[in-house]
All heavy atoms as atom14 arrays in JSON, in Angstrom:
{
  "sequence": "SPVIKICANPDTGRRLAADMDVNAGRILEGDATL",
  "atom14_mask": [
    [1, 1, 1, 1, 1, 1, 0, 0, 0, 0, 0, 0, 0, 0],
    [1, 1, 1, 1, 1, 1, 1, 0, 0, 0, 0, 0, 0, 0],
    [1, 1, 1, 1, 1, 1, 1, 0, 0, 0, 0, 0, 0, 0],
    [1, 1, 1, 1, 1, 1, 1, 1, 0, 0, 0, 0, 0, 0],
    [1, 1, 1, 1, 1, 1, 1, 1, 1, 0, 0, 0, 0, 0],
    [1, 1, 1, 1, 1, 1, 1, 1, 0, 0, 0, 0, 0, 0],
    [1, 1, 1, 1, 1, 1, 0, 0, 0, 0, 0, 0, 0, 0],
    [1, 1, 1, 1, 1, 0, 0, 0, 0, 0, 0, 0, 0, 0],
    [1, 1, 1, 1, 1, 1, 1, 1, 0, 0, 0, 0, 0, 0],
    [1, 1, 1, 1, 1, 1, 1, 0, 0, 0, 0, 0, 0, 0],
    [1, 1, 1, 1, 1, 1, 1, 1, 0, 0, 0, 0, 0, 0],
    [1, 1, 1, 1, 1, 1, 1, 0, 0, 0, 0, 0, 0, 0],
    [1, 1, 1, 1, 0, 0, 0, 0, 0, 0, 0, 0, 0, 0],
    [1, 1, 1, 1, 1, 1, 1, 1, 1, 1, 1, 0, 0, 0],
    [1, 1, 1, 1, 1, 1, 1, 1, 1, 1, 1, 0, 0, 0],
    [1, 1, 1, 1, 1, 1, 1, 1, 0, 0, 0, 0, 0, 0],
    [1, 1, 1, 1, 1, 0, 0, 0, 0, 0, 0, 0, 0, 0],
    [1, 1, 1, 1, 1, 0, 0, 0, 0, 0, 0, 0, 0, 0],
    [1, 1, 1, 1, 1, 1, 1, 1, 0, 0, 0, 0, 0, 0],
    [1, 1, 1, 1, 1, 1, 1, 1, 0, 0, 0, 0, 0, 0],
    [1, 1, 1, 1, 1, 1, 1, 1, 0, 0, 0, 0, 0, 0],
    [1, 1, 1, 1, 1, 1, 1, 0, 0, 0, 0, 0, 0, 0],
    [1, 1, 1, 1, 1, 1, 1, 1, 0, 0, 0, 0, 0, 0],
    [1, 1, 1, 1, 1, 0, 0, 0, 0, 0, 0, 0, 0, 0],
    [1, 1, 1, 1, 0, 0, 0, 0, 0, 0, 0, 0, 0, 0],
    [1, 1, 1, 1, 1, 1, 1, 1, 1, 1, 1, 0, 0, 0],
    [1, 1, 1, 1, 1, 1, 1, 1, 0, 0, 0, 0, 0, 0],
    [1, 1, 1, 1, 1, 1, 1, 1, 0, 0, 0, 0, 0, 0],
    [1, 1, 1, 1, 1, 1, 1, 1, 1, 0, 0, 0, 0, 0],
    [1, 1, 1, 1, 0, 0, 0, 0, 0, 0, 0, 0, 0, 0],
    [1, 1, 1, 1, 1, 1, 1, 1, 0, 0, 0, 0, 0, 0],
    [1, 1, 1, 1, 1, 0, 0, 0, 0, 0, 0, 0, 0, 0],
    [1, 1, 1, 1, 1, 1, 1, 0, 0, 0, 0, 0, 0, 0],
    [1, 1, 1, 1, 1, 1, 1, 1, 0, 0, 0, 0, 0, 0]
  ],
  "atom14_positions": [
    [[120.92, 113.94, 116.29], [120.75, 112.87, 117.28], [121.32, 113.32, 118.62], [122.46, 113.82, 118.69], [121.42, 111.59, 116.82], [120.78, 111.04, 115.68], [0.0, 0.0, 0.0], [0.0, 0.0, 0.0], [0.0, 0.0, 0.0], [0.0, 0.0, 0.0], [0.0, 0.0, 0.0], [0.0, 0.0, 0.0], [0.0, 0.0, 0.0], [0.0, 0.0, 0.0]],
    [[120.58, 113.11, 119.7], [121.07, 113.53, 121.04], [122.36, 112.83, 121.43], [122.61, 111.68, 121.03], [119.92, 113.12, 121.97], [118.73, 112.92, 121.11], [119.26, 112.49, 119.77], [0.0, 0.0, 0.0], [0.0, 0.0, 0.0], [0.0, 0.0, 0.0], [0.0, 0.0, 0.0], [0.0, 0.0, 0.0], [0.0, 0.0, 0.0], [0.0, 0.0, 0.0]],
    [[123.16, 113.51, 122.24], [124.37, 112.97, 122.81], [124.22, 112.94, 124.31], [123.85, 113.94, 124.94], [125.59, 113.84, 122.43], [126.85, 113.37, 123.18], [125.84, 113.78, 120.92], [0.0, 0.0, 0.0], [0.0, 0.0, 0.0], [0.0, 0.0, 0.0], [0.0, 0.0, 0.0], [0.0, 0.0, 0.0], [0.0, 0.0, 0.0], [0.0, 0.0, 0.0]],
    [[124.48, 111.78, 124.91], [124.47, 111.6, 126.36], [125.91, 111.6, 126.83], [126.71, 110.75, 126.44], [123.75, 110.28, 126.74], [122.27, 110.35, 126.33], [123.88, 110.01, 128.22], [121.51, 109.04, 126.51], [0.0, 0.0, 0.0], [0.0, 0.0, 0.0], [0.0, 0.0, 0.0], [0.0, 0.0, 0.0], [0.0, 0.0, 0.0], [0.0, 0.0, 0.0]],
    [[126.27, 112.54, 127.71], [127.64, 112.69, 128.17], [127.83, 111.92, 129.48], [127.07, 112.09, 130.43], [127.98, 114.17, 128.38], [127.77, 115.04, 127.18], [128.52, 114.54, 125.96], [130.0, 114.83, 126.08], [130.31, 116.27, 126.03], [0.0, 0.0, 0.0], [0.0, 0.0, 0.0], [0.0, 0.0, 0.0], [0.0, 0.0, 0.0], [0.0, 0.0, 0.0]],
    [[128.87, 111.08, 129.48], [129.17, 110.25, 130.66], [130.59, 110.57, 131.11], [131.56, 110.33, 130.37], [129.05, 108.76, 130.29], [127.61, 108.48, 129.77], [129.35, 107.87, 131.5], [127.53, 107.37, 128.76], [0.0, 0.0, 0.0], [0.0, 0.0, 0.0], [0.0, 0.0, 0.0], [0.0, 0.0, 0.0], [0.0, 0.0, 0.0], [0.0, 0.0, 0.0]],
    [[130.73, 111.1, 132.29], [132.03, 111.57, 132.8], [132.71, 110.46, 133.58], [132.15, 109.88, 134.51], [131.85, 112.81, 133.66], [133.41, 113.59, 134.02], [0.0, 0.0, 0.0], [0.0, 0.0, 0.0], [0.0, 0.0, 0.0], [0.0, 0.0, 0.0], [0.0, 0.0, 0.0], [0.0, 0.0, 0.0], [0.0, 0.0, 0.0], [0.0, 0.0, 0.0]],
    [[133.97, 110.2, 133.21], [134.73, 109.11, 133.83], [135.46, 109.55, 135.1], [135.62, 108.75, 136.03], [135.75, 108.57, 132.82], [0.0, 0.0, 0.0], [0.0, 0.0, 0.0], [0.0, 0.0, 0.0], [0.0, 0.0, 0.0], [0.0, 0.0, 0.0], [0.0, 0.0, 0.0], [0.0, 0.0, 0.0], [0.0, 0.0, 0.0], [0.0, 0.0, 0.0]],
    [[135.91, 110.79, 135.12], [136.8, 111.28, 136.18], [135.97, 112.06, 137.21], [135.28, 113.01, 136.88], [137.86, 112.19, 135.56], [138.94, 112.6, 136.51], [138.66, 113.03, 137.63], [140.18, 112.48, 136.07], [0.0, 0.0, 0.0], [0.0, 0.0, 0.0], [0.0, 0.0, 0.0], [0.0, 0.0, 0.0], [0.0, 0.0, 0.0], [0.0, 0.0, 0.0]],
    [[136.07, 111.67, 138.48], [135.22, 112.36, 139.5], [135.56, 113.82, 139.65], [134.66, 114.64, 139.9], [135.51, 111.58, 140.79], [136.8, 110.85, 140.55], [136.85, 110.55, 139.09], [0.0, 0.0, 0.0], [0.0, 0.0, 0.0], [0.0, 0.0, 0.0], [0.0, 0.0, 0.0], [0.0, 0.0, 0.0], [0.0, 0.0, 0.0], [0.0, 0.0, 0.0]],
    [[136.85, 114.19, 139.5], [137.19, 115.61, 139.61], [136.63, 116.4, 138.43], [136.05, 117.49, 138.62], [138.73, 115.76, 139.62], [139.35, 115.21, 140.88], [138.64, 115.16, 141.92], [140.53, 114.81, 140.84], [0.0, 0.0, 0.0], [0.0, 0.0, 0.0], [0.0, 0.0, 0.0], [0.0, 0.0, 0.0], [0.0, 0.0, 0.0], [0.0, 0.0, 0.0]],
    [[136.73, 115.85, 137.22], [136.12, 116.5, 136.05], [134.61, 116.58, 136.22], [133.98, 117.59, 135.89], [136.44, 115.71, 134.77], [137.87, 115.6, 134.66], [135.89, 116.44, 133.56], [0.0, 0.0, 0.0], [0.0, 0.0, 0.0], [0.0, 0.0, 0.0], [0.0, 0.0, 0.0], [0.0, 0.0, 0.0], [0.0, 0.0, 0.0], [0.0, 0.0, 0.0]],
    [[134.03, 115.49, 136.78], [132.58, 115.48, 136.99], [132.1, 116.58, 137.91], [131.03, 117.14, 137.71], [0.0, 0.0, 0.0], [0.0, 0.0, 0.0], [0.0, 0.0, 0.0], [0.0, 0.0, 0.0], [0.0, 0.0, 0.0], [0.0, 0.0, 0.0], [0.0, 0.0, 0.0], [0.0, 0.0, 0.0], [0.0, 0.0, 0.0], [0.0, 0.0, 0.0]],
    [[132.92, 116.92, 138.89], [132.53, 118.02, 139.78], [132.68, 119.38, 139.09], [131.81, 120.25, 139.23], [133.37, 117.95, 141.06], [132.91, 116.89, 142.05], [133.68, 116.92, 143.36], [134.98, 116.25, 143.22], [135.15, 114.96, 143.49], [134.13, 114.19, 143.87], [136.34, 114.41, 143.38], [0.0, 0.0, 0.0], [0.0, 0.0, 0.0], [0.0, 0.0, 0.0]],
    [[133.77, 119.54, 138.32], [133.99, 120.81, 137.66], [132.97, 121.06, 136.54], [132.55, 122.2, 136.3], [135.39, 120.87, 137.04], [136.51, 121.02, 138.05], [137.8, 121.41, 137.37], [138.18, 120.49, 136.31], [138.93, 119.4, 136.5], [139.37, 119.09, 137.71], [139.26, 118.62, 135.48], [0.0, 0.0, 0.0], [0.0, 0.0, 0.0], [0.0, 0.0, 0.0]],
    [[132.62, 120.0, 135.81], [131.75, 120.14, 134.65], [130.41, 119.44, 134.87], [129.81, 118.94, 133.92], [132.44, 119.57, 133.4], [133.74, 120.23, 132.95], [134.32, 119.54, 131.75], [133.53, 121.73, 132.7], [0.0, 0.0, 0.0], [0.0, 0.0, 0.0], [0.0, 0.0, 0.0], [0.0, 0.0, 0.0], [0.0, 0.0, 0.0], [0.0, 0.0, 0.0]],
    [[129.94, 119.47, 136.09], [128.67, 118.77, 136.4], [127.52, 119.28, 135.54], [126.63, 118.49, 135.18], [128.35, 118.96, 137.89], [0.0, 0.0, 0.0], [0.0, 0.0, 0.0], [0.0, 0.0, 0.0], [0.0, 0.0, 0.0], [0.0, 0.0, 0.0], [0.0, 0.0, 0.0], [0.0, 0.0, 0.0], [0.0, 0.0, 0.0], [0.0, 0.0, 0.0]],
    [[127.55, 120.55, 135.2], [126.43, 121.13, 134.44], [126.42, 120.68, 132.98], [125.48, 120.99, 132.25], [126.49, 122.65, 134.5], [0.0, 0.0, 0.0], [0.0, 0.0, 0.0], [0.0, 0.0, 0.0], [0.0, 0.0, 0.0], [0.0, 0.0, 0.0], [0.0, 0.0, 0.0], [0.0, 0.0, 0.0], [0.0, 0.0, 0.0], [0.0, 0.0, 0.0]],
    [[127.48, 119.95, 132.55], [127.56, 119.46, 131.17], [127.41, 117.96, 131.05], [127.41, 117.42, 129.94], [128.89, 119.87, 130.54], [128.92, 121.33, 130.11], [128.45, 121.61, 129.01], [129.4, 122.17, 130.91], [0.0, 0.0, 0.0], [0.0, 0.0, 0.0], [0.0, 0.0, 0.0], [0.0, 0.0, 0.0], [0.0, 0.0, 0.0], [0.0, 0.0, 0.0]],
    [[127.32, 117.26, 132.18], [127.35, 115.8, 132.16], [126.0, 115.2, 132.55], [125.34, 115.67, 133.47], [128.43, 115.28, 133.11], [129.83, 115.76, 132.77], [130.38, 115.19, 131.15], [131.59, 116.46, 130.7], [0.0, 0.0, 0.0], [0.0, 0.0, 0.0], [0.0, 0.0, 0.0], [0.0, 0.0, 0.0], [0.0, 0.0, 0.0], [0.0, 0.0, 0.0]],
    [[125.6, 114.15, 131.8], [124.33, 113.46, 132.1], [124.55, 112.39, 133.18], [123.63, 112.14, 133.99], [123.81, 112.8, 130.85], [123.4, 113.8, 129.78], [122.3, 114.33, 129.84], [124.25, 114.06, 128.86], [0.0, 0.0, 0.0], [0.0, 0.0, 0.0], [0.0, 0.0, 0.0], [0.0, 0.0, 0.0], [0.0, 0.0, 0.0], [0.0, 0.0, 0.0]],
    [[125.69, 111.73, 133.18], [125.97, 110.62, 134.08], [127.35, 110.81, 134.67], [128.32, 111.05, 133.9], [125.86, 109.25, 133.39], [126.22, 108.13, 134.35], [124.46, 109.05, 132.81], [0.0, 0.0, 0.0], [0.0, 0.0, 0.0], [0.0, 0.0, 0.0], [0.0, 0.0, 0.0], [0.0, 0.0, 0.0], [0.0, 0.0, 0.0], [0.0, 0.0, 0.0]],
    [[127.51, 110.66, 135.96], [128.81, 110.78, 136.63], [129.32, 109.37, 136.95], [128.99, 108.79, 138.01], [128.7, 111.61, 137.91], [130.02, 111.68, 138.67], [131.07, 111.35, 138.12], [129.96, 112.14, 139.92], [0.0, 0.0, 0.0], [0.0, 0.0, 0.0], [0.0, 0.0, 0.0], [0.0, 0.0, 0.0], [0.0, 0.0, 0.0], [0.0, 0.0, 0.0]],
    [[130.1, 108.81, 136.04], [130.66, 107.48, 136.28], [131.86, 107.52, 137.21], [132.35, 106.49, 137.67], [131.06, 106.82, 134.95], [0.0, 0.0, 0.0], [0.0, 0.0, 0.0], [0.0, 0.0, 0.0], [0.0, 0.0, 0.0], [0.0, 0.0, 0.0], [0.0, 0.0, 0.0], [0.0, 0.0, 0.0], [0.0, 0.0, 0.0], [0.0, 0.0, 0.0]],
    [[132.37, 108.73, 137.5], [133.45, 108.86, 138.44], [133.12, 108.37, 139.84], [134.03, 108.1, 140.65], [0.0, 0.0, 0.0], [0.0, 0.0, 0.0], [0.0, 0.0, 0.0], [0.0, 0.0, 0.0], [0.0, 0.0, 0.0], [0.0, 0.0, 0.0], [0.0, 0.0, 0.0], [0.0, 0.0, 0.0], [0.0, 0.0, 0.0], [0.0, 0.0, 0.0]],
    [[131.83, 108.24, 140.11], [131.41, 107.69, 141.42], [131.96, 106.29, 141.63], [132.17, 105.87, 142.76], [129.9, 107.66, 141.49], [129.29, 109.04, 141.42], [127.8, 109.14, 141.32], [127.0, 107.96, 141.41], [126.32, 107.42, 140.4], [126.36, 108.0, 139.2], [125.59, 106.36, 140.58], [0.0, 0.0, 0.0], [0.0, 0.0, 0.0], [0.0, 0.0, 0.0]],
    [[132.22, 105.57, 140.53], [132.77, 104.22, 140.65], [134.16, 104.28, 141.29], [134.48, 103.5, 142.18], [132.86, 103.57, 139.25], [131.46, 103.41, 138.64], [133.56, 102.21, 139.31], [131.48, 103.08, 137.15], [0.0, 0.0, 0.0], [0.0, 0.0, 0.0], [0.0, 0.0, 0.0], [0.0, 0.0, 0.0], [0.0, 0.0, 0.0], [0.0, 0.0, 0.0]],
    [[134.98, 105.24, 140.84], [136.33, 105.36, 141.34], [136.37, 105.69, 142.81], [137.29, 105.29, 143.55], [137.08, 106.42, 140.54], [138.6, 106.39, 140.54], [139.11, 105.12, 139.93], [139.14, 107.61, 139.79], [0.0, 0.0, 0.0], [0.0, 0.0, 0.0], [0.0, 0.0, 0.0], [0.0, 0.0, 0.0], [0.0, 0.0, 0.0], [0.0, 0.0, 0.0]],
    [[135.38, 106.43, 143.29], [135.33, 106.85, 144.69], [134.54, 105.88, 145.57], [134.32, 106.17, 146.75], [134.78, 108.24, 144.77], [135.64, 109.28, 144.07], [135.19, 110.71, 144.22], [133.97, 110.93, 144.25], [136.05, 111.58, 144.32], [0.0, 0.0, 0.0], [0.0, 0.0, 0.0], [0.0, 0.0, 0.0], [0.0, 0.0, 0.0], [0.0, 0.0, 0.0]],
    [[134.1, 104.77, 144.98], [133.41, 103.74, 145.76], [131.96, 104.03, 146.05], [131.34, 103.35, 146.88], [0.0, 0.0, 0.0], [0.0, 0.0, 0.0], [0.0, 0.0, 0.0], [0.0, 0.0, 0.0], [0.0, 0.0, 0.0], [0.0, 0.0, 0.0], [0.0, 0.0, 0.0], [0.0, 0.0, 0.0], [0.0, 0.0, 0.0], [0.0, 0.0, 0.0]],
    [[131.37, 105.02, 145.34], [129.99, 105.37, 145.6], [129.0, 104.67, 144.68], [127.78, 104.87, 144.81], [129.83, 106.89, 145.45], [130.6, 107.67, 146.51], [130.72, 107.15, 147.64], [131.09, 108.77, 146.2], [0.0, 0.0, 0.0], [0.0, 0.0, 0.0], [0.0, 0.0, 0.0], [0.0, 0.0, 0.0], [0.0, 0.0, 0.0], [0.0, 0.0, 0.0]],
    [[129.5, 103.91, 143.71], [128.64, 103.16, 142.8], [129.48, 102.06, 142.17], [130.71, 102.11, 142.11], [128.07, 104.07, 141.72], [0.0, 0.0, 0.0], [0.0, 0.0, 0.0], [0.0, 0.0, 0.0], [0.0, 0.0, 0.0], [0.0, 0.0, 0.0], [0.0, 0.0, 0.0], [0.0, 0.0, 0.0], [0.0, 0.0, 0.0], [0.0, 0.0, 0.0]],
    [[128.79, 101.01, 141.64], [129.46, 99.94, 140.97], [129.33, 100.13, 139.46], [128.49, 100.91, 138.98], [128.86, 98.58, 141.34], [127.49, 98.52, 140.88], [128.89, 98.38, 142.86], [0.0, 0.0, 0.0], [0.0, 0.0, 0.0], [0.0, 0.0, 0.0], [0.0, 0.0, 0.0], [0.0, 0.0, 0.0], [0.0, 0.0, 0.0], [0.0, 0.0, 0.0]],
    [[130.11, 99.36, 138.68], [129.97, 99.38, 137.24], [128.56, 99.02, 136.83], [127.98, 99.61, 135.91], [130.97, 98.41, 136.59], [132.4, 98.91, 136.39], [133.28, 97.76, 135.93], [132.45, 100.07, 135.39], [0.0, 0.0, 0.0], [0.0, 0.0, 0.0], [0.0, 0.0, 0.0], [0.0, 0.0, 0.0], [0.0, 0.0, 0.0], [0.0, 0.0, 0.0]]
  ]
}
């Protein structure tokens, strides 16, 4: 079964962008809402 990766931390999201499907860290930086 497929796994969809959702990154919580914006710094981690930048370092591991090639492994993440969704960057939820944008919420912390004010670039997106929940």
